[in-house]
Structures are given as structure tokens and as C-alpha cells.
């Protein structure tokens, strides 16, 4: 995203959301490029006391039926902060249900009782701070969180293969580290279990390549083009 264009709109007091609509991208991508160019929104100071929050990621996690505690852990905010933004944006998470069977299991101190899940039926449940949770649901939500974070990182990095522009299948898009010596971890689904700030910092060391181009680059059959935001950096 061009610095002069973005700076002009931010200086005019345009919000990230409005700029995103104009540019046809997500607010998180506008925020990413503002940070890249050393720019800030005129609205940042108004929200500084409560701290910034990633609205796109919040909406993705609410749509994925994550609990307030899970959202708070992922976004590295307090549960109170998450509740504030949920109310502000008119969003609701699915409330935790405490069945009589779950309450009896808790009273008996059972760590992994067999209880009823509205999605999977009678299944093994695991203990959590607010009661119990279906083990299958927990595994599914971990996968959803990883996919949501990968999609967020892809959106912020352009969303397509840097060489050929491929963007049809998210699973076929990889993060390629420009400097292997700076690589802290692999940004595959497993790497996305880390804090959002950590994976974002790692993603900034990378470019997006499709699986075929990634294999060719790693084999020395193709070169990575220079990125517009980092002039002079070798591919």
C-alpha cells in the first residue's frame, strides 16, 4: 500500500475501516501497512486507554464459536476488554452451558468425564476453568484458530503468491522466509499456536508463495522478486 496515499487519508482523519472499504481490503491490512510506514490513525489516542484490538480477528473468532477466555488468550487481552469490545460491536459468543451431569462431575472432581455434547453427542470432556468441554470440540476449535490466524496473516501479506499471484487455495499458500538465518519457527498451522503478536512478527520476515513456487525457490529454480515495501532487499 503506497505510503503517500495512506498518509493523506490518515491525516484527514479517515478511519482504518473507511480506508479498508476504499482500498477493497481488510482493516487489519490497513493497520499493518500503517505500522510498516510508521503512520498512525488520528483515532488511536481516543482508544489508547483501553488498548487497540483487532476487529477482524475478533469477528473471525466469534464466528468460529470461541469462548471469551479463548479469544482473550489469543488476542492477549483481558476477558473484560473482550467483553467491552463484544458489546461495542454488537457481538455475542455462545454461552457456556452447565448441565446437571457436568455439575455432578465437577463436584466429584472428575477430570475427563463422559458427558453430552450438543454437536457430537456422548463424548469425552476435559476440565476447563468454567467447567467442561467436549474434547472433539476443543480439537476442532484449535484447528479453526490456526486457520483464522493463517488467513489473517495472508490478508496482511497480500493474500496471493508473490511470483504468479495464485490465491485460489489457502492451503497451497506458504510463508517463505527471505533470510533463513532470521527464521525463528515455521509458519505452518502448527506455528500458529503461538501468540498473535509473535506470529505476526515472524510473518513480516516472509513473502507468500504458492506450493509450486515455494518448491522451485527452495530448489534454486526460481528467484523471489523484490518486495515493494523493502527496496533493495535481495530475493
C-alpha atoms as a PDB file:
ATOM      1  CA  UNK A   1       0.000   0.000   0.000  1.00  0.00           C
ATOM      2  CA  UNK A   2       1.512   3.337  -1.079  1.00  0.00           C
ATOM      3  CA  UNK A   3       2.715   5.469   1.837  1.00  0.00           C
ATOM      4  CA  UNK A   4       1.738   8.879   0.431  1.00  0.00           C
ATOM      5  CA  UNK A   5      -1.814   7.736  -0.344  1.00  0.00           C
ATOM      6  CA  UNK A   6      -2.247   6.178   3.090  1.00  0.00           C
ATOM      7  CA  UNK A   7      -0.693   9.150   4.911  1.00  0.00           C
ATOM      8  CA  UNK A   8      -3.047  11.578   3.151  1.00  0.00           C
ATOM      9  CA  UNK A   9      -6.134   9.692   4.309  1.00  0.00           C
ATOM     10  CA  UNK A  10      -4.912   9.208   7.868  1.00  0.00           C
ATOM     11  CA  UNK A  11      -4.041  12.912   8.157  1.00  0.00           C
ATOM     12  CA  UNK A  12      -7.584  13.693   7.013  1.00  0.00           C
ATOM     13  CA  UNK A  13      -8.898  11.687   9.967  1.00  0.00           C
ATOM     14  CA  UNK A  14     -10.150   8.740   7.907  1.00  0.00           C
ATOM     15  CA  UNK A  15     -10.545   5.568   9.980  1.00  0.00           C
ATOM     16  CA  UNK A  16      -8.862   2.259   9.156  1.00  0.00           C
ATOM     17  CA  UNK A  17     -12.302   0.794   8.400  1.00  0.00           C
ATOM     18  CA  UNK A  18     -13.125   3.558   5.894  1.00  0.00           C
ATOM     19  CA  UNK A  19      -9.720   3.255   4.228  1.00  0.00           C
ATOM     20  CA  UNK A  20     -10.185  -0.523   4.030  1.00  0.00           C
ATOM     21  CA  UNK A  21     -13.517  -0.089   2.238  1.00  0.00           C
ATOM     22  CA  UNK A  22     -11.933   2.344  -0.199  1.00  0.00           C
ATOM     23  CA  UNK A  23      -8.950   0.073  -0.871  1.00  0.00           C
ATOM     24  CA  UNK A  24     -11.016  -3.110  -1.002  1.00  0.00           C
ATOM     25  CA  UNK A  25      -9.101  -4.862   1.775  1.00  0.00           C
ATOM     26  CA  UNK A  26      -9.411  -5.617   5.497  1.00  0.00           C
ATOM     27  CA  UNK A  27      -8.901  -3.058   8.326  1.00  0.00           C
ATOM     28  CA  UNK A  28      -6.114  -5.265   9.690  1.00  0.00           C
ATOM     29  CA  UNK A  29      -4.232  -4.905   6.404  1.00  0.00           C
ATOM     30  CA  UNK A  30      -4.541  -1.112   6.587  1.00  0.00           C
ATOM     31  CA  UNK A  31      -3.258  -1.265  10.177  1.00  0.00           C
ATOM     32  CA  UNK A  32      -0.359  -3.463   9.050  1.00  0.00           C
ATOM     33  CA  UNK A  33       0.731  -1.034   6.310  1.00  0.00           C
ATOM     34  CA  UNK A  34       0.296   1.972   8.592  1.00  0.00           C
ATOM     35  CA  UNK A  35       2.703   0.308  11.018  1.00  0.00           C
ATOM     36  CA  UNK A  36       5.080  -0.553   8.176  1.00  0.00           C
ATOM     37  CA  UNK A  37       5.182   3.091   7.060  1.00  0.00           C
ATOM     38  CA  UNK A  38       5.394   4.487  10.592  1.00  0.00           C
ATOM     39  CA  UNK A  39       1.934   6.056  10.397  1.00  0.00           C
ATOM     40  CA  UNK A  40      -0.855   6.166  12.978  1.00  0.00           C
ATOM     41  CA  UNK A  41      -4.576   6.810  12.844  1.00  0.00           C
ATOM     42  CA  UNK A  42      -5.994  10.011  14.319  1.00  0.00           C
ATOM     43  CA  UNK A  43      -8.351   7.780  16.300  1.00  0.00           C
ATOM     44  CA  UNK A  44      -5.591   5.845  18.099  1.00  0.00           C
ATOM     45  CA  UNK A  45      -5.315   8.252  21.033  1.00  0.00           C
ATOM     46  CA  UNK A  46      -9.041   8.009  21.727  1.00  0.00           C
ATOM     47  CA  UNK A  47      -8.759   4.271  22.263  1.00  0.00           C
ATOM     48  CA  UNK A  48      -5.295   4.198  23.849  1.00  0.00           C
ATOM     49  CA  UNK A  49      -6.558   3.813  27.417  1.00  0.00           C
ATOM     50  CA  UNK A  50      -8.330   0.557  26.534  1.00  0.00           C
ATOM     51  CA  UNK A  51      -5.668  -0.597  24.082  1.00  0.00           C
ATOM     52  CA  UNK A  52      -6.027  -1.488  20.438  1.00  0.00           C
ATOM     53  CA  UNK A  53      -7.908  -4.576  19.334  1.00  0.00           C
ATOM     54  CA  UNK A  54      -8.014  -6.417  16.017  1.00  0.00           C
ATOM     55  CA  UNK A  55     -11.681  -6.247  14.999  1.00  0.00           C
ATOM     56  CA  UNK A  56     -11.237  -8.625  12.058  1.00  0.00           C
ATOM     57  CA  UNK A  57      -9.701 -11.344  14.203  1.00  0.00           C
ATOM     58  CA  UNK A  58     -12.345 -10.777  16.910  1.00  0.00           C
ATOM     59  CA  UNK A  59     -15.158 -11.247  14.381  1.00  0.00           C
ATOM     60  CA  UNK A  60     -13.485 -14.364  12.956  1.00  0.00           C
ATOM     61  CA  UNK A  61     -13.202 -15.935  16.400  1.00  0.00           C
ATOM     62  CA  UNK A  62     -16.789 -15.088  17.345  1.00  0.00           C
ATOM     63  CA  UNK A  63     -17.946 -16.670  14.071  1.00  0.00           C
ATOM     64  CA  UNK A  64     -15.867 -19.722  14.981  1.00  0.00           C
ATOM     65  CA  UNK A  65     -17.727 -20.033  18.331  1.00  0.00           C
ATOM     66  CA  UNK A  66     -14.689 -19.368  20.516  1.00  0.00           C
ATOM     67  CA  UNK A  67     -15.254 -18.570  24.175  1.00  0.00           C
ATOM     68  CA  UNK A  68     -14.400 -15.191  25.710  1.00  0.00           C
ATOM     69  CA  UNK A  69     -11.492 -16.811  27.555  1.00  0.00           C
ATOM     70  CA  UNK A  70     -10.081 -18.314  24.344  1.00  0.00           C
ATOM     71  CA  UNK A  71     -10.454 -15.001  22.495  1.00  0.00           C
ATOM     72  CA  UNK A  72      -8.745 -13.166  25.358  1.00  0.00           C
ATOM     73  CA  UNK A  73      -5.819 -15.612  25.351  1.00  0.00           C
ATOM     74  CA  UNK A  74      -5.412 -15.444  21.568  1.00  0.00           C
ATOM     75  CA  UNK A  75      -5.589 -11.642  21.392  1.00  0.00           C
ATOM     76  CA  UNK A  76      -3.528 -11.199  24.579  1.00  0.00           C
ATOM     77  CA  UNK A  77      -6.200  -9.060  26.256  1.00  0.00           C
ATOM     78  CA  UNK A  78      -8.206  -9.414  29.451  1.00  0.00           C
ATOM     79  CA  UNK A  79     -11.639 -11.026  29.424  1.00  0.00           C
ATOM     80  CA  UNK A  80     -13.081  -7.657  30.498  1.00  0.00           C
ATOM     81  CA  UNK A  81     -11.554  -5.972  27.451  1.00  0.00           C
ATOM     82  CA  UNK A  82     -13.015  -8.629  25.158  1.00  0.00           C
ATOM     83  CA  UNK A  83     -16.457  -8.217  26.755  1.00  0.00           C
ATOM     84  CA  UNK A  84     -16.210  -4.446  26.249  1.00  0.00           C
ATOM     85  CA  UNK A  85     -15.458  -4.799  22.529  1.00  0.00           C
ATOM     86  CA  UNK A  86     -18.066  -7.504  22.035  1.00  0.00           C
ATOM     87  CA  UNK A  87     -20.679  -5.147  23.456  1.00  0.00           C
ATOM     88  CA  UNK A  88     -19.348  -2.189  21.483  1.00  0.00           C
ATOM     89  CA  UNK A  89     -19.517  -4.135  18.198  1.00  0.00           C
ATOM     90  CA  UNK A  90     -22.806  -5.844  18.992  1.00  0.00           C
ATOM     91  CA  UNK A  91     -21.272  -9.335  19.012  1.00  0.00           C
ATOM     92  CA  UNK A  92     -22.126 -12.325  21.205  1.00  0.00           C
ATOM     93  CA  UNK A  93     -20.314 -15.567  21.937  1.00  0.00           C
ATOM     94  CA  UNK A  94     -22.111 -18.828  22.683  1.00  0.00           C
ATOM     95  CA  UNK A  95     -22.658 -19.007  26.476  1.00  0.00           C
ATOM     96  CA  UNK A  96     -21.102 -21.889  28.383  1.00  0.00           C
ATOM     97  CA  UNK A  97     -23.775 -24.394  29.447  1.00  0.00           C
ATOM     98  CA  UNK A  98     -23.517 -26.162  32.821  1.00  0.00           C
ATOM     99  CA  UNK A  99     -25.596 -29.342  32.698  1.00  0.00           C
ATOM    100  CA  UNK A 100     -26.557 -31.227  35.894  1.00  0.00           C
ATOM    101  CA  UNK A 101     -24.250 -34.081  34.795  1.00  0.00           C
ATOM    102  CA  UNK A 102     -21.342 -31.662  34.386  1.00  0.00           C
ATOM    103  CA  UNK A 103     -22.038 -30.152  37.801  1.00  0.00           C
ATOM    104  CA  UNK A 104     -22.051 -33.633  39.389  1.00  0.00           C
ATOM    105  CA  UNK A 105     -18.773 -34.497  37.631  1.00  0.00           C
ATOM    106  CA  UNK A 106     -17.216 -31.264  38.892  1.00  0.00           C
ATOM    107  CA  UNK A 107     -18.399 -31.965  42.433  1.00  0.00           C
ATOM    108  CA  UNK A 108     -16.833 -35.439  42.230  1.00  0.00           C
ATOM    109  CA  UNK A 109     -13.573 -33.947  40.929  1.00  0.00           C
ATOM    110  CA  UNK A 110     -13.648 -35.884  37.626  1.00  0.00           C
ATOM    111  CA  UNK A 111     -11.011 -34.647  35.158  1.00  0.00           C
ATOM    112  CA  UNK A 112     -12.371 -36.254  31.958  1.00  0.00           C
ATOM    113  CA  UNK A 113     -15.991 -37.359  32.381  1.00  0.00           C
ATOM    114  CA  UNK A 114     -18.194 -38.674  29.580  1.00  0.00           C
ATOM    115  CA  UNK A 115     -20.896 -36.066  29.028  1.00  0.00           C
ATOM    116  CA  UNK A 116     -23.350 -34.952  26.360  1.00  0.00           C
ATOM    117  CA  UNK A 117     -22.190 -32.549  23.632  1.00  0.00           C
ATOM    118  CA  UNK A 118     -24.873 -30.832  21.529  1.00  0.00           C
ATOM    119  CA  UNK A 119     -22.655 -31.278  18.467  1.00  0.00           C
ATOM    120  CA  UNK A 120     -21.020 -34.690  18.948  1.00  0.00           C
ATOM    121  CA  UNK A 121     -23.371 -36.474  21.356  1.00  0.00           C
ATOM    122  CA  UNK A 122     -21.923 -38.545  24.225  1.00  0.00           C
ATOM    123  CA  UNK A 123     -18.178 -37.861  24.199  1.00  0.00           C
ATOM    124  CA  UNK A 124     -15.173 -37.447  26.468  1.00  0.00           C
ATOM    125  CA  UNK A 125     -14.969 -33.986  28.028  1.00  0.00           C
ATOM    126  CA  UNK A 126     -11.955 -32.218  29.530  1.00  0.00           C
ATOM    127  CA  UNK A 127     -11.783 -29.892  32.512  1.00  0.00           C
ATOM    128  CA  UNK A 128     -11.515 -26.157  31.961  1.00  0.00           C
ATOM    129  CA  UNK A 129     -11.790 -23.049  34.148  1.00  0.00           C
ATOM    130  CA  UNK A 130     -15.523 -22.645  33.532  1.00  0.00           C
ATOM    131  CA  UNK A 131     -16.493 -26.332  33.657  1.00  0.00           C
ATOM    132  CA  UNK A 132     -16.003 -29.000  30.990  1.00  0.00           C
ATOM    133  CA  UNK A 133     -15.624 -29.010  27.248  1.00  0.00           C
ATOM    134  CA  UNK A 134     -16.079 -31.678  24.592  1.00  0.00           C
ATOM    135  CA  UNK A 135     -12.609 -32.951  23.618  1.00  0.00           C
ATOM    136  CA  UNK A 136     -13.602 -33.128  19.940  1.00  0.00           C
ATOM    137  CA  UNK A 137     -14.923 -29.550  20.010  1.00  0.00           C
ATOM    138  CA  UNK A 138     -11.691 -28.385  21.626  1.00  0.00           C
ATOM    139  CA  UNK A 139      -9.589 -30.020  18.920  1.00  0.00           C
ATOM    140  CA  UNK A 140     -11.829 -28.553  16.212  1.00  0.00           C
ATOM    141  CA  UNK A 141     -11.545 -25.064  17.680  1.00  0.00           C
ATOM    142  CA  UNK A 142      -7.749 -25.286  17.832  1.00  0.00           C
ATOM    143  CA  UNK A 143      -7.735 -26.072  14.107  1.00  0.00           C
ATOM    144  CA  UNK A 144     -10.162 -23.205  13.416  1.00  0.00           C
ATOM    145  CA  UNK A 145      -7.961 -20.801  15.376  1.00  0.00           C
ATOM    146  CA  UNK A 146      -4.892 -21.820  13.383  1.00  0.00           C
ATOM    147  CA  UNK A 147      -6.748 -21.359  10.098  1.00  0.00           C
ATOM    148  CA  UNK A 148      -8.164 -17.997  11.168  1.00  0.00           C
ATOM    149  CA  UNK A 149      -4.711 -16.713  12.083  1.00  0.00           C
ATOM    150  CA  UNK A 150      -3.199 -18.016   8.828  1.00  0.00           C
ATOM    151  CA  UNK A 151      -5.925 -16.234   6.850  1.00  0.00           C
ATOM    152  CA  UNK A 152      -5.260 -13.037   8.795  1.00  0.00           C
ATOM    153  CA  UNK A 153      -1.523 -13.261   8.098  1.00  0.00           C
ATOM    154  CA  UNK A 154      -2.171 -13.965   4.417  1.00  0.00           C
ATOM    155  CA  UNK A 155      -4.504 -10.957   4.144  1.00  0.00           C
ATOM    156  CA  UNK A 156      -1.861  -8.723   5.685  1.00  0.00           C
ATOM    157  CA  UNK A 157       0.839 -10.102   3.354  1.00  0.00           C
ATOM    158  CA  UNK A 158      -1.143  -9.563   0.164  1.00  0.00           C
ATOM    159  CA  UNK A 159      -3.111 -12.817   0.069  1.00  0.00           C
ATOM    160  CA  UNK A 160      -1.504 -14.262  -3.057  1.00  0.00           C
ATOM    161  CA  UNK A 161       1.708 -15.830  -4.390  1.00  0.00           C
ATOM    162  CA  UNK A 162       4.252 -13.043  -4.900  1.00  0.00           C
ATOM    163  CA  UNK A 163       5.505 -14.604  -8.135  1.00  0.00           C
ATOM    164  CA  UNK A 164       2.355 -15.617 -10.033  1.00  0.00           C
ATOM    165  CA  UNK A 165      -0.491 -14.195  -7.976  1.00  0.00           C
ATOM    166  CA  UNK A 166      -2.100 -17.557  -7.174  1.00  0.00           C
ATOM    167  CA  UNK A 167      -4.730 -17.233  -4.416  1.00  0.00           C
ATOM    168  CA  UNK A 168      -7.363 -19.932  -5.004  1.00  0.00           C
ATOM    169  CA  UNK A 169      -6.488 -22.298  -2.142  1.00  0.00           C
ATOM    170  CA  UNK A 170      -5.262 -21.084   1.255  1.00  0.00           C
ATOM    171  CA  UNK A 171      -3.711 -24.494   1.977  1.00  0.00           C
ATOM    172  CA  UNK A 172      -1.499 -24.102  -1.108  1.00  0.00           C
ATOM    173  CA  UNK A 173      -0.066 -20.762   0.061  1.00  0.00           C
ATOM    174  CA  UNK A 174       3.141 -20.858   2.091  1.00  0.00           C
ATOM    175  CA  UNK A 175       5.226 -18.315   4.006  1.00  0.00           C
ATOM    176  CA  UNK A 176       8.782 -18.250   2.646  1.00  0.00           C
ATOM    177  CA  UNK A 177      11.473 -16.712   4.864  1.00  0.00           C
ATOM    178  CA  UNK A 178      13.604 -14.263   2.870  1.00  0.00           C
ATOM    179  CA  UNK A 179      16.552 -14.742   5.223  1.00  0.00           C
ATOM    180  CA  UNK A 180      16.758 -18.303   6.633  1.00  0.00           C
ATOM    181  CA  UNK A 181      19.134 -17.117   9.372  1.00  0.00           C
ATOM    182  CA  UNK A 182      16.342 -14.921  10.779  1.00  0.00           C
ATOM    183  CA  UNK A 183      13.804 -17.760  10.897  1.00  0.00           C
ATOM    184  CA  UNK A 184      12.532 -18.430  14.418  1.00  0.00           C
ATOM    185  CA  UNK A 185       9.897 -21.029  13.533  1.00  0.00           C
ATOM    186  CA  UNK A 186       7.851 -22.337  10.604  1.00  0.00           C
ATOM    187  CA  UNK A 187       4.603 -20.514   9.898  1.00  0.00           C
ATOM    188  CA  UNK A 188       2.660 -23.667   9.154  1.00  0.00           C
ATOM    189  CA  UNK A 189      -0.563 -24.472  11.034  1.00  0.00           C
ATOM    190  CA  UNK A 190       1.457 -25.776  13.991  1.00  0.00           C
ATOM    191  CA  UNK A 191       3.341 -22.490  14.306  1.00  0.00           C
ATOM    192  CA  UNK A 192       0.076 -20.601  14.584  1.00  0.00           C
ATOM    193  CA  UNK A 193      -0.486 -21.834  18.137  1.00  0.00           C
ATOM    194  CA  UNK A 194       1.771 -19.006  19.332  1.00  0.00           C
ATOM    195  CA  UNK A 195       0.600 -15.536  20.379  1.00  0.00           C
ATOM    196  CA  UNK A 196      -0.742 -13.386  17.533  1.00  0.00           C
ATOM    197  CA  UNK A 197       1.974 -10.740  18.008  1.00  0.00           C
ATOM    198  CA  UNK A 198       4.657 -13.432  17.745  1.00  0.00           C
ATOM    199  CA  UNK A 199       3.361 -14.956  14.511  1.00  0.00           C
ATOM    200  CA  UNK A 200       2.814 -11.502  13.001  1.00  0.00           C
ATOM    201  CA  UNK A 201       6.432 -10.590  13.713  1.00  0.00           C
ATOM    202  CA  UNK A 202       7.564 -13.832  12.068  1.00  0.00           C
ATOM    203  CA  UNK A 203       5.302 -13.271   9.041  1.00  0.00           C
ATOM    204  CA  UNK A 204       6.975  -9.918   8.392  1.00  0.00           C
ATOM    205  CA  UNK A 205      10.178 -11.833   7.647  1.00  0.00           C
ATOM    206  CA  UNK A 206       8.407 -13.726   4.862  1.00  0.00           C
ATOM    207  CA  UNK A 207       6.754 -13.466   1.482  1.00  0.00           C
ATOM    208  CA  UNK A 208       3.781 -15.532   0.342  1.00  0.00           C
ATOM    209  CA  UNK A 209       4.442 -18.192  -2.304  1.00  0.00           C
ATOM    210  CA  UNK A 210       2.240 -20.942  -3.682  1.00  0.00           C
ATOM    211  CA  UNK A 211       3.409 -24.507  -3.063  1.00  0.00           C
ATOM    212  CA  UNK A 212       4.893 -24.891  -6.560  1.00  0.00           C
ATOM    213  CA  UNK A 213       6.806 -21.608  -6.482  1.00  0.00           C
ATOM    214  CA  UNK A 214       7.986 -22.311  -2.948  1.00  0.00           C
ATOM    215  CA  UNK A 215       9.435 -25.651  -4.059  1.00  0.00           C
ATOM    216  CA  UNK A 216      11.139 -24.020  -7.048  1.00  0.00           C
ATOM    217  CA  UNK A 217      12.624 -21.236  -4.908  1.00  0.00           C
ATOM    218  CA  UNK A 218      13.899 -23.713  -2.327  1.00  0.00           C
ATOM    219  CA  UNK A 219      15.415 -25.800  -5.156  1.00  0.00           C
ATOM    220  CA  UNK A 220      17.100 -22.777  -6.733  1.00  0.00           C
ATOM    221  CA  UNK A 221      14.970 -22.929  -9.893  1.00  0.00           C
ATOM    222  CA  UNK A 222      13.230 -19.594  -9.250  1.00  0.00           C
ATOM    223  CA  UNK A 223      14.025 -16.279  -7.564  1.00  0.00           C
ATOM    224  CA  UNK A 224      11.845 -14.247  -5.221  1.00  0.00           C
ATOM    225  CA  UNK A 225      11.052 -10.765  -6.645  1.00  0.00           C
ATOM    226  CA  UNK A 226      11.944  -7.736  -4.564  1.00  0.00           C
ATOM    227  CA  UNK A 227       9.118  -6.607  -2.307  1.00  0.00           C
ATOM    228  CA  UNK A 228       7.862  -3.067  -2.922  1.00  0.00           C
ATOM    229  CA  UNK A 229       7.938  -2.301   0.806  1.00  0.00           C
ATOM    230  CA  UNK A 230      11.573  -3.331   1.157  1.00  0.00           C
ATOM    231  CA  UNK A 231      13.532  -1.811  -1.752  1.00  0.00           C
ATOM    232  CA  UNK A 232      16.992  -3.193  -2.329  1.00  0.00           C
ATOM    233  CA  UNK A 233      16.456  -6.409  -0.400  1.00  0.00           C
ATOM    234  CA  UNK A 234      17.648  -9.486  -2.236  1.00  0.00           C
ATOM    235  CA  UNK A 235      15.153 -12.263  -3.028  1.00  0.00           C
END
